[in-house]
Amino acid sequence: MSTISIRLPESLHRGIREAARREGVSINQFIASAAGEKLAAWATEEYLGARARRGDRGEFESALARVPDREPPPEDAL
């Protein structure tokens, strides 16, 4: 476990304190969870970006062209 000291605007500290209270966790737990969520979001964005760069528009359109053109069943209709 590491310890860090950060400076926060009072309004942000107040919001974090209130959110942690509502969630029933400590401010430390709340901030650690928020940081973990942010890191996971960045990792997901990088992963999806790498997958997108490997994509091929021509192959996608070719696969899409093989899908039958018909109305969806009633349970799938919007």
C-alpha atoms as a PDB file:
ATOM      1  CA  MET A   1       0.000   0.000   0.000  1.00  0.00           C
ATOM      2  CA  SER A   2       1.256   3.476  -0.831  1.00  0.00           C
ATOM      3  CA  THR A   3       0.419   6.822   0.682  1.00  0.00           C
ATOM      4  CA  ILE A   4       0.031   9.977  -1.366  1.00  0.00           C
ATOM      5  CA  SER A   5      -0.928  13.484  -0.465  1.00  0.00           C
ATOM      6  CA  ILE A   6      -3.006  15.463  -2.953  1.00  0.00           C
ATOM      7  CA  ARG A   7      -4.462  18.942  -2.998  1.00  0.00           C
ATOM      8  CA  LEU A   8      -8.094  19.203  -4.036  1.00  0.00           C
ATOM      9  CA  PRO A   9     -10.379  22.165  -4.464  1.00  0.00           C
ATOM     10  CA  GLU A  10     -12.732  22.328  -1.488  1.00  0.00           C
ATOM     11  CA  SER A  11     -15.777  21.787  -3.704  1.00  0.00           C
ATOM     12  CA  LEU A  12     -14.318  18.562  -5.120  1.00  0.00           C
ATOM     13  CA  HIS A  13     -13.344  17.345  -1.658  1.00  0.00           C
ATOM     14  CA  ARG A  14     -16.854  18.078  -0.433  1.00  0.00           C
ATOM     15  CA  GLY A  15     -18.366  16.142  -3.358  1.00  0.00           C
ATOM     16  CA  ILE A  16     -16.076  13.170  -2.782  1.00  0.00           C
ATOM     17  CA  ARG A  17     -16.815  13.168   0.932  1.00  0.00           C
ATOM     18  CA  GLU A  18     -20.571  13.180   0.247  1.00  0.00           C
ATOM     19  CA  ALA A  19     -20.343  10.472  -2.423  1.00  0.00           C
ATOM     20  CA  ALA A  20     -18.245   8.257  -0.131  1.00  0.00           C
ATOM     21  CA  ARG A  21     -20.761   8.758   2.674  1.00  0.00           C
ATOM     22  CA  ARG A  22     -23.651   7.783   0.349  1.00  0.00           C
ATOM     23  CA  GLU A  23     -21.750   4.682  -0.787  1.00  0.00           C
ATOM     24  CA  GLY A  24     -20.861   3.754   2.794  1.00  0.00           C
ATOM     25  CA  VAL A  25     -17.107   3.733   2.158  1.00  0.00           C
ATOM     26  CA  SER A  26     -14.172   5.794   3.314  1.00  0.00           C
ATOM     27  CA  ILE A  27     -12.855   8.674   1.242  1.00  0.00           C
ATOM     28  CA  ASN A  28      -9.700   6.597   0.654  1.00  0.00           C
ATOM     29  CA  GLN A  29     -11.748   3.660  -0.626  1.00  0.00           C
ATOM     30  CA  PHE A  30     -13.822   5.946  -2.826  1.00  0.00           C
ATOM     31  CA  ILE A  31     -10.774   7.594  -4.415  1.00  0.00           C
ATOM     32  CA  ALA A  32      -8.982   4.242  -4.888  1.00  0.00           C
ATOM     33  CA  SER A  33     -12.077   2.828  -6.582  1.00  0.00           C
ATOM     34  CA  ALA A  34     -12.475   5.904  -8.789  1.00  0.00           C
ATOM     35  CA  ALA A  35      -8.811   5.726  -9.822  1.00  0.00           C
ATOM     36  CA  GLY A  36      -9.167   2.012 -10.603  1.00  0.00           C
ATOM     37  CA  GLU A  37     -12.258   2.673 -12.710  1.00  0.00           C
ATOM     38  CA  LYS A  38     -10.449   5.407 -14.642  1.00  0.00           C
ATOM     39  CA  LEU A  39      -7.453   3.146 -15.322  1.00  0.00           C
ATOM     40  CA  ALA A  40      -9.788   0.379 -16.499  1.00  0.00           C
ATOM     41  CA  ALA A  41     -11.566   2.827 -18.826  1.00  0.00           C
ATOM     42  CA  TRP A  42      -8.251   3.920 -20.333  1.00  0.00           C
ATOM     43  CA  ALA A  43      -7.156   0.301 -20.783  1.00  0.00           C
ATOM     44  CA  THR A  44     -10.464  -0.511 -22.484  1.00  0.00           C
ATOM     45  CA  GLU A  45     -10.131   2.494 -24.770  1.00  0.00           C
ATOM     46  CA  GLU A  46      -6.601   1.436 -25.756  1.00  0.00           C
ATOM     47  CA  TYR A  47      -7.731  -2.149 -26.359  1.00  0.00           C
ATOM     48  CA  LEU A  48     -10.697  -1.118 -28.509  1.00  0.00           C
ATOM     49  CA  GLY A  49      -8.545   1.359 -30.420  1.00  0.00           C
ATOM     50  CA  ALA A  50      -6.016  -1.378 -31.213  1.00  0.00           C
ATOM     51  CA  ARG A  51      -8.830  -3.682 -32.346  1.00  0.00           C
ATOM     52  CA  ALA A  52     -10.303  -0.920 -34.519  1.00  0.00           C
ATOM     53  CA  ARG A  53      -6.939  -0.278 -36.189  1.00  0.00           C
ATOM     54  CA  ARG A  54      -6.787  -3.958 -37.174  1.00  0.00           C
ATOM     55  CA  GLY A  55     -10.239  -3.749 -38.756  1.00  0.00           C
ATOM     56  CA  ASP A  56     -10.752  -3.687 -42.498  1.00  0.00           C
ATOM     57  CA  ARG A  57     -13.690  -1.711 -43.908  1.00  0.00           C
ATOM     58  CA  GLY A  58     -13.798  -3.814 -47.077  1.00  0.00           C
ATOM     59  CA  GLU A  59     -14.020  -7.076 -45.117  1.00  0.00           C
ATOM     60  CA  PHE A  60     -16.729  -5.586 -42.908  1.00  0.00           C
ATOM     61  CA  GLU A  61     -18.814  -4.477 -45.896  1.00  0.00           C
ATOM     62  CA  SER A  62     -18.294  -7.855 -47.562  1.00  0.00           C
ATOM     63  CA  ALA A  63     -19.584  -9.671 -44.471  1.00  0.00           C
ATOM     64  CA  LEU A  64     -22.488  -7.242 -44.156  1.00  0.00           C
ATOM     65  CA  ALA A  65     -23.424  -7.827 -47.794  1.00  0.00           C
ATOM     66  CA  ARG A  66     -23.949 -11.534 -47.012  1.00  0.00           C
ATOM     67  CA  VAL A  67     -26.594 -10.769 -44.354  1.00  0.00           C
ATOM     68  CA  PRO A  68     -30.103 -11.327 -45.730  1.00  0.00           C
ATOM     69  CA  ASP A  69     -32.148  -8.150 -46.213  1.00  0.00           C
ATOM     70  CA  ARG A  70     -35.397  -8.806 -44.371  1.00  0.00           C
ATOM     71  CA  GLU A  71     -37.547  -7.336 -41.636  1.00  0.00           C
ATOM     72  CA  PRO A  72     -36.640  -8.295 -38.072  1.00  0.00           C
ATOM     73  CA  PRO A  73     -38.971 -10.599 -36.141  1.00  0.00           C
ATOM     74  CA  PRO A  74     -41.631  -8.706 -34.136  1.00  0.00           C
ATOM     75  CA  GLU A  75     -39.783  -9.198 -30.843  1.00  0.00           C
ATOM     76  CA  ASP A  76     -36.691  -7.445 -32.275  1.00  0.00           C
ATOM     77  CA  ALA A  77     -38.483  -4.560 -33.986  1.00  0.00           C
ATOM     78  CA  LEU A  78     -37.982  -1.069 -32.598  1.00  0.00           C
END
